[in-house]
Amino acid sequence: MKEAEKSQVGFAFGPQNYRLLIIGLIVIVIGFLLMSGGKSDDPNVFNPEIFSWRRITLAPIVVLIGFVIEGVAIMKKPKTSKEAEK
Protein backbone atom coordinates (compact mmCIF):
# COMPACT_ATOMS: atom_id res chain seq x y z
CA MET A 1 0.00 0.00 0.00
CA LYS A 2 1.08 3.55 -0.63
CA GLU A 3 1.73 5.99 2.20
CA ALA A 4 -1.41 7.98 1.31
CA GLU A 5 -3.55 4.83 1.54
CA LYS A 6 -2.02 3.86 4.88
CA SER A 7 -3.05 7.17 6.40
CA GLN A 8 -6.63 6.61 5.16
CA VAL A 9 -7.03 3.37 7.11
CA GLY A 10 -8.99 3.97 10.31
CA PHE A 11 -11.66 2.53 12.54
CA ALA A 12 -14.47 0.52 10.99
CA PHE A 13 -17.13 2.50 12.88
CA GLY A 14 -17.53 6.21 13.37
CA PRO A 15 -18.90 7.98 16.44
CA GLN A 16 -22.46 7.89 15.08
CA ASN A 17 -22.21 4.12 14.61
CA TYR A 18 -21.21 3.67 18.24
CA ARG A 19 -24.06 5.90 19.41
CA LEU A 20 -26.53 3.82 17.40
CA LEU A 21 -25.04 0.60 18.81
CA ILE A 22 -25.49 1.86 22.36
CA ILE A 23 -29.04 3.07 21.67
CA GLY A 24 -29.92 -0.30 20.12
CA LEU A 25 -28.49 -2.14 23.11
CA ILE A 26 -30.50 0.02 25.51
CA VAL A 27 -33.71 -0.62 23.52
CA ILE A 28 -33.05 -4.39 23.60
CA VAL A 29 -32.50 -4.30 27.37
CA ILE A 30 -35.73 -2.32 27.82
CA GLY A 31 -37.57 -4.96 25.77
CA PHE A 32 -36.25 -7.77 27.95
CA LEU A 33 -37.15 -5.84 31.09
CA LEU A 34 -40.70 -5.48 29.73
CA MET A 35 -40.84 -9.28 29.35
CA SER A 36 -39.82 -9.97 32.93
CA GLY A 37 -42.16 -10.65 35.83
CA GLY A 38 -45.54 -12.31 36.07
CA LYS A 39 -44.46 -15.31 38.09
CA SER A 40 -46.59 -16.72 40.86
CA ASP A 41 -45.39 -16.78 44.46
CA ASP A 42 -47.05 -20.16 44.94
CA PRO A 43 -46.00 -22.81 42.37
CA ASN A 44 -49.40 -24.50 42.72
CA VAL A 45 -51.30 -21.39 41.63
CA PHE A 46 -51.38 -20.26 37.99
CA ASN A 47 -50.89 -16.55 37.39
CA PRO A 48 -52.49 -15.42 34.10
CA GLU A 49 -50.45 -12.20 34.28
CA ILE A 50 -47.68 -13.94 32.30
CA PHE A 51 -49.92 -13.61 29.23
CA SER A 52 -50.33 -9.83 29.51
CA TRP A 53 -50.25 -7.67 26.38
CA ARG A 54 -47.00 -6.09 27.55
CA ARG A 55 -45.14 -9.42 27.76
CA ILE A 56 -46.65 -11.11 24.71
CA THR A 57 -46.82 -8.24 22.20
CA LEU A 58 -45.06 -5.05 23.26
CA ALA A 59 -41.80 -6.50 24.60
CA PRO A 60 -40.96 -8.63 21.52
CA ILE A 61 -41.69 -5.67 19.23
CA VAL A 62 -39.36 -3.46 21.32
CA VAL A 63 -36.62 -6.12 21.16
CA LEU A 64 -37.01 -6.42 17.37
CA ILE A 65 -36.78 -2.64 17.00
CA GLY A 66 -33.56 -2.78 19.03
CA PHE A 67 -32.13 -5.42 16.71
CA VAL A 68 -33.08 -3.33 13.67
CA ILE A 69 -31.25 -0.35 15.20
CA GLU A 70 -28.22 -2.59 15.76
CA GLY A 71 -28.33 -3.70 12.11
CA VAL A 72 -28.52 -0.10 10.90
CA ALA A 73 -25.61 0.83 13.18
CA ILE A 74 -23.48 -1.96 11.72
CA MET A 75 -24.39 -1.31 8.08
CA LYS A 76 -24.20 2.50 8.16
CA LYS A 77 -21.11 3.76 6.42
CA PRO A 78 -19.16 6.13 8.69
CA LYS A 79 -18.30 9.55 7.34
CA THR A 80 -14.66 10.10 6.51
CA SER A 81 -12.91 13.23 7.69
CA LYS A 82 -13.08 14.66 4.15
CA GLU A 83 -16.87 14.10 3.97
CA ALA A 84 -17.37 15.62 7.42
CA GLU A 85 -15.59 18.83 6.36
CA LYS A 86 -18.00 19.42 3.43
PDB file of N, CA and C in Angstrom:
ATOM      1  N   MET A   1       0.838  -1.187   0.000  1.00  0.00           N
ATOM      2  CA  MET A   1       0.000   0.000   0.000  1.00  0.00           C
ATOM      3  C   MET A   1       0.873   1.238   0.000  1.00  0.00           C
ATOM      4  N   LYS A   2       0.369   2.282  -0.602  1.00  0.00           N
ATOM      5  CA  LYS A   2       1.083   3.549  -0.630  1.00  0.00           C
ATOM      6  C   LYS A   2       0.927   4.252   0.710  1.00  0.00           C
ATOM      7  N   GLU A   3       1.778   5.227   0.944  1.00  0.00           N
ATOM      8  CA  GLU A   3       1.731   5.988   2.198  1.00  0.00           C
ATOM      9  C   GLU A   3       0.400   6.718   2.351  1.00  0.00           C
ATOM     10  N   ALA A   4      -0.134   7.256   1.245  1.00  0.00           N
ATOM     11  CA  ALA A   4      -1.405   7.978   1.311  1.00  0.00           C
ATOM     12  C   ALA A   4      -2.538   7.032   1.702  1.00  0.00           C
ATOM     13  N   GLU A   5      -2.510   5.795   1.202  1.00  0.00           N
ATOM     14  CA  GLU A   5      -3.549   4.826   1.538  1.00  0.00           C
ATOM     15  C   GLU A   5      -3.430   4.369   2.980  1.00  0.00           C
ATOM     16  N   LYS A   6      -2.206   4.280   3.491  1.00  0.00           N
ATOM     17  CA  LYS A   6      -2.020   3.861   4.878  1.00  0.00           C
ATOM     18  C   LYS A   6      -2.605   4.875   5.846  1.00  0.00           C
ATOM     19  N   SER A   7      -2.498   6.147   5.518  1.00  0.00           N
ATOM     20  CA  SER A   7      -3.047   7.170   6.401  1.00  0.00           C
ATOM     21  C   SER A   7      -4.574   7.194   6.354  1.00  0.00           C
ATOM     22  N   GLN A   8      -5.176   6.643   5.297  1.00  0.00           N
ATOM     23  CA  GLN A   8      -6.627   6.609   5.158  1.00  0.00           C
ATOM     24  C   GLN A   8      -7.269   5.507   5.996  1.00  0.00           C
ATOM     25  N   VAL A   9      -6.486   4.498   6.363  1.00  0.00           N
ATOM     26  CA  VAL A   9      -7.032   3.372   7.110  1.00  0.00           C
ATOM     27  C   VAL A   9      -7.350   3.832   8.528  1.00  0.00           C
ATOM     28  N   GLY A  10      -8.572   3.527   8.981  1.00  0.00           N
ATOM     29  CA  GLY A  10      -8.986   3.965  10.313  1.00  0.00           C
ATOM     30  C   GLY A  10      -9.913   2.938  10.939  1.00  0.00           C
ATOM     31  N   PHE A  11     -10.705   3.401  11.865  1.00  0.00           N
ATOM     32  CA  PHE A  11     -11.660   2.528  12.537  1.00  0.00           C
ATOM     33  C   PHE A  11     -12.792   2.144  11.589  1.00  0.00           C
ATOM     34  N   ALA A  12     -13.371   0.981  11.827  1.00  0.00           N
ATOM     35  CA  ALA A  12     -14.470   0.518  10.986  1.00  0.00           C
ATOM     36  C   ALA A  12     -15.745   1.310  11.254  1.00  0.00           C
ATOM     37  N   PHE A  13     -15.936   1.748  12.506  1.00  0.00           N
ATOM     38  CA  PHE A  13     -17.131   2.496  12.882  1.00  0.00           C
ATOM     39  C   PHE A  13     -16.760   3.919  13.247  1.00  0.00           C
ATOM     40  N   GLY A  14     -17.701   4.821  12.963  1.00  0.00           N
ATOM     41  CA  GLY A  14     -17.532   6.212  13.370  1.00  0.00           C
ATOM     42  C   GLY A  14     -18.286   6.459  14.670  1.00  0.00           C
ATOM     43  N   PRO A  15     -18.210   7.667  15.181  1.00  0.00           N
ATOM     44  CA  PRO A  15     -18.899   7.985  16.440  1.00  0.00           C
ATOM     45  C   PRO A  15     -20.416   7.770  16.369  1.00  0.00           C
ATOM     46  N   GLN A  16     -21.015   8.082  15.218  1.00  0.00           N
ATOM     47  CA  GLN A  16     -22.462   7.890  15.078  1.00  0.00           C
ATOM     48  C   GLN A  16     -22.821   6.406  15.118  1.00  0.00           C
ATOM     49  N   ASN A  17     -21.967   5.561  14.560  1.00  0.00           N
ATOM     50  CA  ASN A  17     -22.211   4.120  14.608  1.00  0.00           C
ATOM     51  C   ASN A  17     -22.225   3.620  16.053  1.00  0.00           C
ATOM     52  N   TYR A  18     -21.268   4.095  16.844  1.00  0.00           N
ATOM     53  CA  TYR A  18     -21.207   3.669  18.243  1.00  0.00           C
ATOM     54  C   TYR A  18     -22.410   4.172  19.027  1.00  0.00           C
ATOM     55  N   ARG A  19     -22.854   5.393  18.738  1.00  0.00           N
ATOM     56  CA  ARG A  19     -24.060   5.902  19.408  1.00  0.00           C
ATOM     57  C   ARG A  19     -25.260   5.026  19.076  1.00  0.00           C
ATOM     58  N   LEU A  20     -25.407   4.672  17.805  1.00  0.00           N
ATOM     59  CA  LEU A  20     -26.526   3.816  17.401  1.00  0.00           C
ATOM     60  C   LEU A  20     -26.425   2.433  18.044  1.00  0.00           C
ATOM     61  N   LEU A  21     -25.214   1.894  18.151  1.00  0.00           N
ATOM     62  CA  LEU A  21     -25.037   0.601  18.813  1.00  0.00           C
ATOM     63  C   LEU A  21     -25.476   0.654  20.269  1.00  0.00           C
ATOM     64  N   ILE A  22     -25.102   1.717  20.959  1.00  0.00           N
ATOM     65  CA  ILE A  22     -25.486   1.858  22.364  1.00  0.00           C
ATOM     66  C   ILE A  22     -26.992   2.049  22.497  1.00  0.00           C
ATOM     67  N   ILE A  23     -27.588   2.867  21.629  1.00  0.00           N
ATOM     68  CA  ILE A  23     -29.040   3.070  21.666  1.00  0.00           C
ATOM     69  C   ILE A  23     -29.762   1.759  21.400  1.00  0.00           C
ATOM     70  N   GLY A  24     -29.313   0.997  20.411  1.00  0.00           N
ATOM     71  CA  GLY A  24     -29.922  -0.299  20.118  1.00  0.00           C
ATOM     72  C   GLY A  24     -29.819  -1.259  21.286  1.00  0.00           C
ATOM     73  N   LEU A  25     -28.669  -1.276  21.950  1.00  0.00           N
ATOM     74  CA  LEU A  25     -28.489  -2.143  23.112  1.00  0.00           C
ATOM     75  C   LEU A  25     -29.430  -1.744  24.242  1.00  0.00           C
ATOM     76  N   ILE A  26     -29.587  -0.456  24.467  1.00  0.00           N
ATOM     77  CA  ILE A  26     -30.501   0.017  25.512  1.00  0.00           C
ATOM     78  C   ILE A  26     -31.941  -0.372  25.189  1.00  0.00           C
ATOM     79  N   VAL A  27     -32.346  -0.250  23.920  1.00  0.00           N
ATOM     80  CA  VAL A  27     -33.706  -0.621  23.522  1.00  0.00           C
ATOM     81  C   VAL A  27     -33.929  -2.121  23.720  1.00  0.00           C
ATOM     82  N   ILE A  28     -32.935  -2.944  23.402  1.00  0.00           N
ATOM     83  CA  ILE A  28     -33.055  -4.387  23.601  1.00  0.00           C
ATOM     84  C   ILE A  28     -33.196  -4.711  25.088  1.00  0.00           C
ATOM     85  N   VAL A  29     -32.406  -4.066  25.922  1.00  0.00           N
ATOM     86  CA  VAL A  29     -32.495  -4.301  27.371  1.00  0.00           C
ATOM     87  C   VAL A  29     -33.868  -3.882  27.893  1.00  0.00           C
ATOM     88  N   ILE A  30     -34.392  -2.756  27.411  1.00  0.00           N
ATOM     89  CA  ILE A  30     -35.733  -2.325  27.822  1.00  0.00           C
ATOM     90  C   ILE A  30     -36.769  -3.364  27.414  1.00  0.00           C
ATOM     91  N   GLY A  31     -36.640  -3.923  26.219  1.00  0.00           N
ATOM     92  CA  GLY A  31     -37.568  -4.960  25.774  1.00  0.00           C
ATOM     93  C   GLY A  31     -37.533  -6.183  26.670  1.00  0.00           C
ATOM     94  N   PHE A  32     -36.345  -6.611  27.065  1.00  0.00           N
ATOM     95  CA  PHE A  32     -36.255  -7.773  27.949  1.00  0.00           C
ATOM     96  C   PHE A  32     -36.780  -7.454  29.344  1.00  0.00           C
ATOM     97  N   LEU A  33     -36.584  -6.229  29.800  1.00  0.00           N
ATOM     98  CA  LEU A  33     -37.150  -5.844  31.091  1.00  0.00           C
ATOM     99  C   LEU A  33     -38.678  -5.834  31.039  1.00  0.00           C
ATOM    100  N   LEU A  34     -39.243  -5.444  29.892  1.00  0.00           N
ATOM    101  CA  LEU A  34     -40.697  -5.485  29.735  1.00  0.00           C
ATOM    102  C   LEU A  34     -41.234  -6.920  29.766  1.00  0.00           C
ATOM    103  N   MET A  35     -40.420  -7.878  29.339  1.00  0.00           N
ATOM    104  CA  MET A  35     -40.837  -9.285  29.345  1.00  0.00           C
ATOM    105  C   MET A  35     -40.805  -9.904  30.736  1.00  0.00           C
ATOM    106  N   SER A  36     -40.035  -9.338  31.636  1.00  0.00           N
ATOM    107  CA  SER A  36     -39.823  -9.973  32.933  1.00  0.00           C
ATOM    108  C   SER A  36     -41.052  -9.852  33.829  1.00  0.00           C
ATOM    109  N   GLY A  37     -41.087 -10.684  34.837  1.00  0.00           N
ATOM    110  CA  GLY A  37     -42.157 -10.650  35.834  1.00  0.00           C
ATOM    111  C   GLY A  37     -43.282 -11.600  35.509  1.00  0.00           C
ATOM    112  N   GLY A  38     -44.343 -11.508  36.311  1.00  0.00           N
ATOM    113  CA  GLY A  38     -45.536 -12.315  36.072  1.00  0.00           C
ATOM    114  C   GLY A  38     -45.520 -13.682  36.709  1.00  0.00           C
ATOM    115  N   LYS A  39     -44.486 -13.985  37.484  1.00  0.00           N
ATOM    116  CA  LYS A  39     -44.460 -15.314  38.090  1.00  0.00           C
ATOM    117  C   LYS A  39     -45.365 -15.344  39.317  1.00  0.00           C
ATOM    118  N   SER A  40     -45.742 -16.526  39.698  1.00  0.00           N
ATOM    119  CA  SER A  40     -46.592 -16.722  40.860  1.00  0.00           C
ATOM    120  C   SER A  40     -45.719 -17.023  42.074  1.00  0.00           C
ATOM    121  N   ASP A  41     -46.127 -16.496  43.227  1.00  0.00           N
ATOM    122  CA  ASP A  41     -45.393 -16.783  44.457  1.00  0.00           C
ATOM    123  C   ASP A  41     -45.571 -18.240  44.882  1.00  0.00           C
ATOM    124  N   ASP A  42     -46.740 -18.770  44.594  1.00  0.00           N
ATOM    125  CA  ASP A  42     -47.052 -20.156  44.945  1.00  0.00           C
ATOM    126  C   ASP A  42     -46.978 -21.000  43.663  1.00  0.00           C
ATOM    127  N   PRO A  43     -46.115 -22.019  43.605  1.00  0.00           N
ATOM    128  CA  PRO A  43     -45.995 -22.810  42.370  1.00  0.00           C
ATOM    129  C   PRO A  43     -47.253 -23.609  42.035  1.00  0.00           C
ATOM    130  N   ASN A  44     -48.165 -23.762  42.981  1.00  0.00           N
ATOM    131  CA  ASN A  44     -49.404 -24.503  42.722  1.00  0.00           C
ATOM    132  C   ASN A  44     -50.516 -23.627  42.173  1.00  0.00           C
ATOM    133  N   VAL A  45     -50.285 -22.326  42.105  1.00  0.00           N
ATOM    134  CA  VAL A  45     -51.300 -21.389  41.629  1.00  0.00           C
ATOM    135  C   VAL A  45     -50.825 -20.779  40.318  1.00  0.00           C
ATOM    136  N   PHE A  46     -51.703 -20.828  39.305  1.00  0.00           N
ATOM    137  CA  PHE A  46     -51.382 -20.264  37.992  1.00  0.00           C
ATOM    138  C   PHE A  46     -51.657 -18.770  38.000  1.00  0.00           C
ATOM    139  N   ASN A  47     -50.717 -17.996  37.484  1.00  0.00           N
ATOM    140  CA  ASN A  47     -50.889 -16.548  37.392  1.00  0.00           C
ATOM    141  C   ASN A  47     -51.063 -16.180  35.918  1.00  0.00           C
ATOM    142  N   PRO A  48     -52.265 -15.764  35.514  1.00  0.00           N
ATOM    143  CA  PRO A  48     -52.489 -15.416  34.098  1.00  0.00           C
ATOM    144  C   PRO A  48     -51.782 -14.131  33.666  1.00  0.00           C
ATOM    145  N   GLU A  49     -51.154 -13.438  34.599  1.00  0.00           N
ATOM    146  CA  GLU A  49     -50.452 -12.196  34.282  1.00  0.00           C
ATOM    147  C   GLU A  49     -49.269 -12.437  33.334  1.00  0.00           C
ATOM    148  N   ILE A  50     -48.786 -13.672  33.226  1.00  0.00           N
ATOM    149  CA  ILE A  50     -47.680 -13.945  32.301  1.00  0.00           C
ATOM    150  C   ILE A  50     -48.107 -13.777  30.849  1.00  0.00           C
ATOM    151  N   PHE A  51     -49.410 -13.786  30.592  1.00  0.00           N
ATOM    152  CA  PHE A  51     -49.921 -13.612  29.234  1.00  0.00           C
ATOM    153  C   PHE A  51     -50.417 -12.196  28.994  1.00  0.00           C
ATOM    154  N   SER A  52     -49.880 -11.209  29.695  1.00  0.00           N
ATOM    155  CA  SER A  52     -50.327  -9.829  29.509  1.00  0.00           C
ATOM    156  C   SER A  52     -49.869  -9.303  28.147  1.00  0.00           C
ATOM    157  N   TRP A  53     -50.557  -8.274  27.680  1.00  0.00           N
ATOM    158  CA  TRP A  53     -50.248  -7.672  26.385  1.00  0.00           C
ATOM    159  C   TRP A  53     -48.815  -7.149  26.356  1.00  0.00           C
ATOM    160  N   ARG A  54     -48.358  -6.634  27.475  1.00  0.00           N
ATOM    161  CA  ARG A  54     -47.001  -6.086  27.555  1.00  0.00           C
ATOM    162  C   ARG A  54     -45.961  -7.169  27.301  1.00  0.00           C
ATOM    163  N   ARG A  55     -46.138  -8.345  27.885  1.00  0.00           N
ATOM    164  CA  ARG A  55     -45.142  -9.420  27.763  1.00  0.00           C
ATOM    165  C   ARG A  55     -45.247 -10.175  26.443  1.00  0.00           C
ATOM    166  N   ILE A  56     -46.447 -10.302  25.915  1.00  0.00           N
ATOM    167  CA  ILE A  56     -46.647 -11.109  24.709  1.00  0.00           C
ATOM    168  C   ILE A  56     -46.462 -10.302  23.429  1.00  0.00           C
ATOM    169  N   THR A  57     -46.837  -9.025  23.435  1.00  0.00           N
ATOM    170  CA  THR A  57     -46.824  -8.238  22.203  1.00  0.00           C
ATOM    171  C   THR A  57     -45.801  -7.108  22.232  1.00  0.00           C
ATOM    172  N   LEU A  58     -45.890  -6.248  23.226  1.00  0.00           N
ATOM    173  CA  LEU A  58     -45.064  -5.047  23.260  1.00  0.00           C
ATOM    174  C   LEU A  58     -43.575  -5.362  23.395  1.00  0.00           C
ATOM    175  N   ALA A  59     -43.217  -6.212  24.339  1.00  0.00           N
ATOM    176  CA  ALA A  59     -41.802  -6.501  24.595  1.00  0.00           C
ATOM    177  C   ALA A  59     -41.082  -7.110  23.381  1.00  0.00           C
ATOM    178  N   PRO A  60     -41.659  -8.117  22.705  1.00  0.00           N
ATOM    179  CA  PRO A  60     -40.961  -8.632  21.516  1.00  0.00           C
ATOM    180  C   PRO A  60     -40.806  -7.599  20.402  1.00  0.00           C
ATOM    181  N   ILE A  61     -41.799  -6.716  20.253  1.00  0.00           N
ATOM    182  CA  ILE A  61     -41.685  -5.666  19.234  1.00  0.00           C
ATOM    183  C   ILE A  61     -40.554  -4.713  19.592  1.00  0.00           C
ATOM    184  N   VAL A  62     -40.431  -4.356  20.870  1.00  0.00           N
ATOM    185  CA  VAL A  62     -39.359  -3.462  21.315  1.00  0.00           C
ATOM    186  C   VAL A  62     -37.995  -4.116  21.086  1.00  0.00           C
ATOM    187  N   VAL A  63     -37.895  -5.408  21.380  1.00  0.00           N
ATOM    188  CA  VAL A  63     -36.623  -6.121  21.158  1.00  0.00           C
ATOM    189  C   VAL A  63     -36.280  -6.152  19.667  1.00  0.00           C
ATOM    190  N   LEU A  64     -37.263  -6.410  18.818  1.00  0.00           N
ATOM    191  CA  LEU A  64     -37.008  -6.423  17.371  1.00  0.00           C
ATOM    192  C   LEU A  64     -36.575  -5.048  16.874  1.00  0.00           C
ATOM    193  N   ILE A  65     -37.190  -3.994  17.382  1.00  0.00           N
ATOM    194  CA  ILE A  65     -36.777  -2.642  17.003  1.00  0.00           C
ATOM    195  C   ILE A  65     -35.324  -2.407  17.412  1.00  0.00           C
ATOM    196  N   GLY A  66     -34.946  -2.896  18.591  1.00  0.00           N
ATOM    197  CA  GLY A  66     -33.562  -2.776  19.033  1.00  0.00           C
ATOM    198  C   GLY A  66     -32.602  -3.497  18.104  1.00  0.00           C
ATOM    199  N   PHE A  67     -32.988  -4.690  17.644  1.00  0.00           N
ATOM    200  CA  PHE A  67     -32.127  -5.421  16.714  1.00  0.00           C
ATOM    201  C   PHE A  67     -32.038  -4.721  15.359  1.00  0.00           C
ATOM    202  N   VAL A  68     -33.114  -4.091  14.921  1.00  0.00           N
ATOM    203  CA  VAL A  68     -33.079  -3.327  13.669  1.00  0.00           C
ATOM    204  C   VAL A  68     -32.121  -2.143  13.812  1.00  0.00           C
ATOM    205  N   ILE A  69     -32.176  -1.467  14.956  1.00  0.00           N
ATOM    206  CA  ILE A  69     -31.253  -0.350  15.201  1.00  0.00           C
ATOM    207  C   ILE A  69     -29.811  -0.852  15.182  1.00  0.00           C
ATOM    208  N   GLU A  70     -29.567  -2.013  15.774  1.00  0.00           N
ATOM    209  CA  GLU A  70     -28.216  -2.586  15.759  1.00  0.00           C
ATOM    210  C   GLU A  70     -27.773  -2.872  14.319  1.00  0.00           C
ATOM    211  N   GLY A  71     -28.666  -3.410  13.505  1.00  0.00           N
ATOM    212  CA  GLY A  71     -28.331  -3.695  12.113  1.00  0.00           C
ATOM    213  C   GLY A  71     -27.996  -2.432  11.336  1.00  0.00           C
ATOM    214  N   VAL A  72     -28.787  -1.384  11.566  1.00  0.00           N
ATOM    215  CA  VAL A  72     -28.520  -0.104  10.904  1.00  0.00           C
ATOM    216  C   VAL A  72     -27.172   0.451  11.354  1.00  0.00           C
ATOM    217  N   ALA A  73     -26.873   0.325  12.649  1.00  0.00           N
ATOM    218  CA  ALA A  73     -25.608   0.830  13.176  1.00  0.00           C
ATOM    219  C   ALA A  73     -24.423   0.103  12.565  1.00  0.00           C
ATOM    220  N   ILE A  74     -24.572  -1.182  12.312  1.00  0.00           N
ATOM    221  CA  ILE A  74     -23.482  -1.959  11.723  1.00  0.00           C
ATOM    222  C   ILE A  74     -23.330  -1.646  10.236  1.00  0.00           C
ATOM    223  N   MET A  75     -24.437  -1.500   9.531  1.00  0.00           N
ATOM    224  CA  MET A  75     -24.388  -1.308   8.082  1.00  0.00           C
ATOM    225  C   MET A  75     -24.111   0.126   7.655  1.00  0.00           C
ATOM    226  N   LYS A  76     -24.385   1.094   8.518  1.00  0.00           N
ATOM    227  CA  LYS A  76     -24.205   2.498   8.165  1.00  0.00           C
ATOM    228  C   LYS A  76     -22.728   2.788   7.913  1.00  0.00           C
ATOM    229  N   LYS A  77     -22.482   3.425   6.784  1.00  0.00           N
ATOM    230  CA  LYS A  77     -21.107   3.763   6.418  1.00  0.00           C
ATOM    231  C   LYS A  77     -20.689   5.014   7.182  1.00  0.00           C
ATOM    232  N   PRO A  78     -19.593   4.940   7.931  1.00  0.00           N
ATOM    233  CA  PRO A  78     -19.158   6.125   8.685  1.00  0.00           C
ATOM    234  C   PRO A  78     -18.619   7.194   7.743  1.00  0.00           C
ATOM    235  N   LYS A  79     -18.816   8.439   8.142  1.00  0.00           N
ATOM    236  CA  LYS A  79     -18.303   9.550   7.336  1.00  0.00           C
ATOM    237  C   LYS A  79     -16.798   9.643   7.522  1.00  0.00           C
ATOM    238  N   THR A  80     -16.094   9.875   6.425  1.00  0.00           N
ATOM    239  CA  THR A  80     -14.655  10.096   6.510  1.00  0.00           C
ATOM    240  C   THR A  80     -14.408  11.544   6.897  1.00  0.00           C
ATOM    241  N   SER A  81     -13.223  11.861   7.272  1.00  0.00           N
ATOM    242  CA  SER A  81     -12.914  13.226   7.690  1.00  0.00           C
ATOM    243  C   SER A  81     -13.117  14.218   6.540  1.00  0.00           C
ATOM    244  N   LYS A  82     -12.884  13.788   5.298  1.00  0.00           N
ATOM    245  CA  LYS A  82     -13.082  14.662   4.149  1.00  0.00           C
ATOM    246  C   LYS A  82     -14.568  14.935   3.939  1.00  0.00           C
ATOM    247  N   GLU A  83     -15.423  13.907   4.130  1.00  0.00           N
ATOM    248  CA  GLU A  83     -16.866  14.099   3.973  1.00  0.00           C
ATOM    249  C   GLU A  83     -17.419  14.950   5.085  1.00  0.00           C
ATOM    250  N   ALA A  84     -16.885  14.852   6.274  1.00  0.00           N
ATOM    251  CA  ALA A  84     -17.372  15.621   7.416  1.00  0.00           C
ATOM    252  C   ALA A  84     -17.061  17.108   7.255  1.00  0.00           C
ATOM    253  N   GLU A  85     -15.972  17.427   6.554  1.00  0.00           N
ATOM    254  CA  GLU A  85     -15.592  18.831   6.360  1.00  0.00           C
ATOM    255  C   GLU A  85     -16.491  19.541   5.371  1.00  0.00           C
ATOM    256  N   LYS A  86     -17.143  18.812   4.476  1.00  0.00           N
ATOM    257  CA  LYS A  86     -17.999  19.419   3.432  1.00  0.00           C
ATOM    258  C   LYS A  86     -19.285  19.945   4.003  1.00  0.00           C
TER     259      LYS A  86
END
